[in-house]
Protein backbone atom coordinates (compact mmCIF):
# COMPACT_ATOMS: atom_id res chain seq x y z
CA MET A 1 26.28 15.86 32.57
CA ALA A 2 24.40 14.39 29.63
CA HIS A 3 22.31 11.42 28.55
CA ASP A 4 21.26 9.74 25.32
CA ASN A 5 17.73 9.13 24.03
CA ARG A 6 16.86 6.01 26.04
CA PHE A 7 13.92 5.45 28.35
CA GLY A 8 14.38 7.31 31.63
CA GLY A 9 17.42 9.26 30.47
CA PRO A 10 16.26 12.68 31.73
CA LEU A 11 15.05 11.21 35.04
CA LEU A 12 18.27 9.32 35.70
CA ALA A 13 20.36 12.35 34.72
CA ARG A 14 18.32 14.52 37.08
CA THR A 15 19.11 12.11 39.92
CA VAL A 16 22.84 12.26 39.21
CA ILE A 17 22.68 16.06 39.03
CA ASP A 18 20.85 16.22 42.36
CA VAL A 19 23.42 13.95 44.04
CA LEU A 20 26.39 15.93 42.68
CA SER A 21 24.98 19.42 43.22
CA GLY A 22 23.83 18.41 46.71
CA ALA A 23 27.39 17.34 47.45
CA GLY A 24 28.72 20.77 46.46
CA PHE A 25 29.63 20.24 42.81
CA THR A 26 28.87 22.80 40.14
CA VAL A 27 27.10 20.82 37.41
CA TYR A 28 26.76 21.80 33.75
CA ASP A 29 23.59 20.16 32.44
CA ALA A 30 23.84 19.41 28.71
CA GLY A 31 20.60 17.42 28.56
CA GLU A 32 20.60 14.98 25.64
CA ALA A 33 23.96 15.27 23.93
CA THR A 34 26.59 13.25 22.09
CA THR A 35 29.67 11.87 23.78
CA GLY A 36 32.03 13.87 21.57
CA SER A 37 30.33 17.20 22.20
CA LEU A 38 30.30 16.50 25.94
CA SER A 39 34.03 15.75 25.86
CA ALA A 40 34.61 19.10 24.16
CA ALA A 41 32.45 20.80 26.79
CA LEU A 42 34.53 19.16 29.50
CA LEU A 43 37.68 20.73 28.06
CA GLU A 44 36.12 24.12 27.37
CA THR A 45 34.64 24.47 30.86
CA GLN A 46 37.77 23.01 32.51
CA ALA A 47 35.55 20.68 34.50
CA ALA A 48 36.82 17.83 36.68
CA PHE A 49 34.96 15.06 34.83
CA SER A 50 31.91 14.31 32.71
CA ILE A 51 29.16 11.71 32.94
CA ASN A 52 27.12 10.60 29.95
CA LEU A 53 24.35 8.13 30.68
CA THR A 54 24.57 5.93 27.61
CA PRO A 55 25.33 2.29 26.83
CA SER A 56 26.53 3.36 23.40
CA HIS A 57 25.49 1.02 20.57
CA ASN A 58 23.89 -1.66 22.79
CA PRO A 59 20.17 -2.58 22.55
CA LEU A 60 17.41 -0.50 24.11
CA GLU A 61 17.18 -2.49 27.37
CA TYR A 62 20.77 -1.61 28.29
CA GLY A 63 21.89 1.30 30.45
CA GLY A 64 25.32 2.86 30.67
CA PHE A 65 27.49 5.24 32.70
CA LYS A 66 30.32 6.82 30.69
CA TYR A 67 32.79 8.62 32.93
CA ASN A 68 35.47 10.79 31.33
CA ALA A 69 38.27 12.34 33.33
CA ALA A 70 39.45 15.95 33.13
CA ASP A 71 41.41 15.31 29.92
CA ALA A 72 38.09 14.38 28.24
CA GLY A 73 39.24 10.83 27.52
CA PRO A 74 38.17 7.56 29.14
CA ALA A 75 39.18 7.49 32.79
CA ALA A 76 42.08 5.32 33.92
CA THR A 77 41.28 1.89 35.32
CA VAL A 78 42.36 2.93 38.80
CA ILE A 79 39.59 5.58 38.79
CA THR A 80 36.82 3.41 37.35
CA LYS A 81 37.67 0.59 39.78
CA GLU A 82 37.34 3.03 42.67
CA ILE A 83 33.97 4.27 41.38
CA SER A 84 32.78 0.66 41.10
CA ARG A 85 34.07 -0.20 44.58
CA ARG A 86 32.26 2.71 46.19
CA ALA A 87 29.06 2.04 44.27
CA GLN A 88 29.10 -1.62 45.31
CA LYS A 89 29.66 -0.58 48.92
CA ILE A 90 26.60 1.66 48.83
CA ILE A 91 24.49 -1.10 47.26
CA ALA A 92 25.70 -3.73 49.76
CA ALA A 93 24.79 -1.45 52.66
CA ASN A 94 21.38 -0.74 51.11
CA GLN A 95 22.07 2.97 51.38
CA ASP A 96 20.50 5.73 49.37
CA PRO A 97 22.80 8.61 48.41
CA PRO A 98 21.54 12.07 49.39
CA ARG A 99 19.25 13.34 46.65
CA GLN A 100 18.53 16.88 47.79
CA GLY A 101 19.98 18.87 44.92
CA ASP A 102 21.12 22.49 44.94
CA SER A 103 19.67 24.21 41.88
CA SER A 104 21.96 27.20 42.38
CA ARG A 105 24.88 24.96 41.42
CA VAL A 106 23.31 23.70 38.17
CA GLN A 107 23.88 25.56 34.89
CA PRO A 108 22.50 24.70 31.45
CA LEU A 109 25.12 23.90 28.83
CA ASP A 110 25.03 23.82 25.03
CA ALA A 111 27.45 20.97 24.35
CA LEU A 112 27.56 21.39 20.57
CA ALA A 113 28.39 25.09 20.91
CA GLN A 114 31.31 24.08 23.12
CA TRP A 115 32.48 21.57 20.48
CA GLN A 116 32.24 24.16 17.72
CA ARG A 117 34.22 26.67 19.77
CA LEU A 118 36.93 24.09 20.54
CA VAL A 119 37.28 23.10 16.88
CA ARG A 120 37.36 26.70 15.65
CA ARG A 121 39.83 27.80 18.31
CA ASN A 122 42.24 24.99 17.48
CA GLN A 123 42.19 25.29 13.68
CA ASP A 124 45.90 26.12 13.62
CA ARG A 125 46.63 22.86 15.42
CA HIS A 126 44.50 20.43 13.42
CA GLY A 127 44.45 22.31 10.11
CA LEU A 128 40.72 21.87 9.40
CA ASP A 129 38.56 24.88 8.54
CA TYR A 130 35.25 23.63 9.92
CA ASP A 131 33.13 26.58 8.76
CA GLY A 132 34.83 26.61 5.37
CA ILE A 133 34.22 22.89 4.85
CA ILE A 134 30.51 23.26 5.60
CA ALA A 135 30.20 26.38 3.45
CA ARG A 136 31.84 24.70 0.48
CA PHE A 137 29.55 21.69 0.77
CA LEU A 138 26.46 23.90 0.85
CA GLU A 139 27.66 25.83 -2.22
CA ARG A 140 28.29 22.76 -4.38
CA ASP A 141 25.73 20.83 -6.38
CA ASP A 142 27.79 17.71 -7.14
CA VAL A 143 27.88 16.13 -3.66
CA VAL A 144 25.16 14.59 -1.49
CA VAL A 145 25.36 13.64 2.19
CA ALA A 146 23.02 11.11 3.82
CA VAL A 147 23.21 10.44 7.57
CA ASP A 148 21.27 7.81 9.52
CA CYS A 149 20.94 8.89 13.17
CA VAL A 150 19.16 5.66 14.18
CA HIS A 151 17.06 7.92 16.46
CA GLY A 152 20.12 8.62 18.63
CA SER A 153 21.56 11.81 20.10
CA SER A 154 23.26 12.86 16.85
CA ARG A 155 19.83 13.97 15.58
CA ILE A 156 20.00 16.79 18.17
CA HIS A 157 23.18 18.25 16.68
CA LEU A 158 23.34 17.47 12.97
CA ALA A 159 21.32 20.37 11.56
CA ARG A 160 23.38 22.88 13.57
CA LEU A 161 26.56 21.06 12.64
CA PHE A 162 25.70 22.00 9.03
CA HIS A 163 25.00 25.62 10.03
CA ASP A 164 21.20 25.15 10.17
CA ARG A 165 20.97 25.57 6.40
CA PRO A 166 18.55 23.07 4.85
CA SER A 167 19.61 21.52 1.58
CA ASP A 168 18.07 18.86 -0.67
CA ARG A 169 21.57 17.37 -0.79
CA LEU A 170 21.65 16.91 3.01
CA ILE A 171 19.44 13.99 4.00
CA PHE A 172 18.79 12.73 7.54
CA LEU A 173 17.33 9.29 8.15
CA ARG A 174 15.72 8.02 11.39
CA HIS A 175 16.10 11.43 13.01
CA THR A 176 13.09 11.35 15.34
CA ALA A 177 13.08 10.66 19.07
CA ASP A 178 12.43 6.92 19.34
CA PRO A 179 13.93 5.16 22.40
CA THR A 180 13.17 1.78 20.82
CA PHE A 181 15.46 2.58 17.85
CA GLY A 182 12.80 1.29 15.52
CA GLY A 183 13.19 -2.19 16.99
CA ILE A 184 16.81 -2.76 15.93
CA ALA A 185 20.12 -2.96 17.76
CA PRO A 186 21.36 0.61 17.10
CA GLU A 187 24.88 -0.22 16.02
CA PRO A 188 26.55 1.23 12.91
CA SER A 189 26.74 -2.13 11.17
CA SER A 190 26.76 -3.02 7.50
CA ALA A 191 23.22 -4.39 7.82
CA ASN A 192 21.92 -1.17 9.37
CA LEU A 193 23.62 0.89 6.65
CA ALA A 194 21.13 -0.42 4.07
CA GLY A 195 18.87 2.64 4.31
CA VAL A 196 21.72 5.03 3.57
CA LEU A 197 22.87 2.90 0.63
CA ALA A 198 19.35 2.90 -0.81
CA VAL A 199 19.14 6.70 -0.62
CA LEU A 200 22.55 7.21 -2.23
CA ALA A 201 21.73 4.75 -5.02
CA ASP A 202 18.84 6.99 -6.13
CA ARG A 203 20.86 10.20 -6.13
CA PRO A 204 22.30 11.75 -9.33
CA GLU A 205 25.26 13.49 -7.70
CA PRO A 206 28.66 12.02 -8.66
CA LEU A 207 30.08 12.49 -5.15
CA LYS A 208 28.28 10.66 -2.34
CA ILE A 209 28.91 10.52 1.39
CA GLY A 210 26.86 8.30 3.68
CA ALA A 211 27.13 7.62 7.39
CA ILE A 212 25.32 5.77 10.14
CA ILE A 213 25.88 6.84 13.75
CA ASP A 214 25.32 5.01 17.04
CA PRO A 215 23.10 6.47 19.84
CA ASP A 216 25.80 8.58 21.55
CA ALA A 217 27.55 9.37 18.25
CA ASP A 218 31.02 8.02 18.93
CA ARG A 219 30.82 5.12 16.47
CA ILE A 220 30.33 5.82 12.78
CA ARG A 221 30.37 3.76 9.59
CA PHE A 222 30.90 5.61 6.32
CA THR A 223 30.19 4.80 2.69
CA ASP A 224 30.43 6.40 -0.74
CA GLY A 225 27.55 4.25 -1.94
CA GLN A 226 29.88 1.44 -2.98
CA GLN A 227 32.68 1.01 -0.44
CA GLU A 228 32.20 0.96 3.34
CA ILE A 229 34.68 2.48 5.78
CA GLY A 230 34.55 1.37 9.42
CA MET A 231 35.49 3.67 12.28
CA ASN A 232 38.90 2.06 12.86
CA GLN A 233 39.71 2.42 9.18
CA PHE A 234 38.49 6.01 9.09
CA GLY A 235 40.55 7.06 12.13
CA ALA A 236 43.72 5.74 10.54
CA MET A 237 42.84 7.32 7.17
CA ALA A 238 42.19 10.67 8.88
CA TYR A 239 45.57 10.46 10.59
CA HIS A 240 47.27 9.77 7.26
CA TYR A 241 45.44 12.72 5.66
CA LEU A 242 46.40 15.14 8.44
CA HIS A 243 50.01 14.00 8.24
CA THR A 244 50.50 13.91 4.47
CA GLU A 245 48.06 16.57 3.23
CA LYS A 246 48.00 19.03 6.14
CA GLY A 247 51.59 18.56 7.26
CA LYS A 248 50.62 17.83 10.84
CA ARG A 249 53.18 15.69 12.67
CA GLY A 250 52.80 13.76 15.89
CA LEU A 251 52.22 10.39 17.47
CA VAL A 252 49.11 8.23 17.26
CA ALA A 253 47.27 7.92 20.59
CA LYS A 254 44.91 4.96 20.56
CA THR A 255 43.49 2.16 22.67
CA VAL A 256 44.64 -1.42 22.33
CA ALA A 257 41.05 -2.43 21.51
CA THR A 258 41.11 -0.58 18.18
CA SER A 259 42.62 -1.72 14.89
CA ASN A 260 46.39 -1.74 14.33
CA PHE A 261 45.88 -0.04 10.97
CA ALA A 262 46.94 3.27 12.53
CA ASN A 263 50.02 1.61 14.01
CA ALA A 264 51.13 0.49 10.55
CA ILE A 265 50.61 3.96 9.08
CA ALA A 266 52.48 5.63 11.94
CA GLU A 267 55.40 3.23 11.48
CA ARG A 268 55.60 4.02 7.76
CA LEU A 269 55.49 7.75 8.53
CA GLY A 270 58.16 7.46 11.21
CA GLU A 271 55.83 8.43 14.06
CA GLU A 272 55.37 6.90 17.50
CA VAL A 273 52.28 5.11 18.81
CA PHE A 274 50.92 5.64 22.33
CA GLU A 275 48.65 2.89 23.66
CA PRO A 276 47.80 3.48 27.33
């Protein structure tokens, strides 16, 4: 169970926890956390499902209920339709669900620690040395990284993601708790990337990495200070890198809503595409 940084997030999450624990569920409470780290926690704890109260990149007045199934991916339509049907039935009957929680069934959870453990444990599968990558960045003086959190949940995790080692070449923008997102729609758009571009333009390092992240940290736009890379482009590029540079083979699993860039790469590489 987690929530993003919006108004009422902790209160709404507490209500969900009370309903679930009162119904006999063991609930791992991650507090404010990113969607990706919560998905990792779902796998690591072998839980039945996860709930993240976030409307993603939508404006501050929105609310959201992200339900992931046991495989840590978006639940199938048959499941979400059933959740909606039951919720509408409760609303139509003007019923209140039982809210008497059972604190003995609630356990605190460090979602990022679960993500780090999952990534480290599966290094042989994905070929990425997470700790080595961070260590090499911190040792070098020719690369700068600037990340705009737009006041979202990523601000909770980023310092620890970089091993809690401050560096003048690691710059965080809009990394305070502001549920109004500074008055903007908190999407990782080209317009909102302007702050990152301004920071990188003033830096002397020859290698520059910039990113802007949405409130629950599952949408990212990248830049090197000149060229922008959207999330759909990056996912396909990452797949190509893992296949050609790391020698990792396998199909592309993607949603229909994303770009077909990955489809084209998979076809050229002789791999299959799975679109549920």
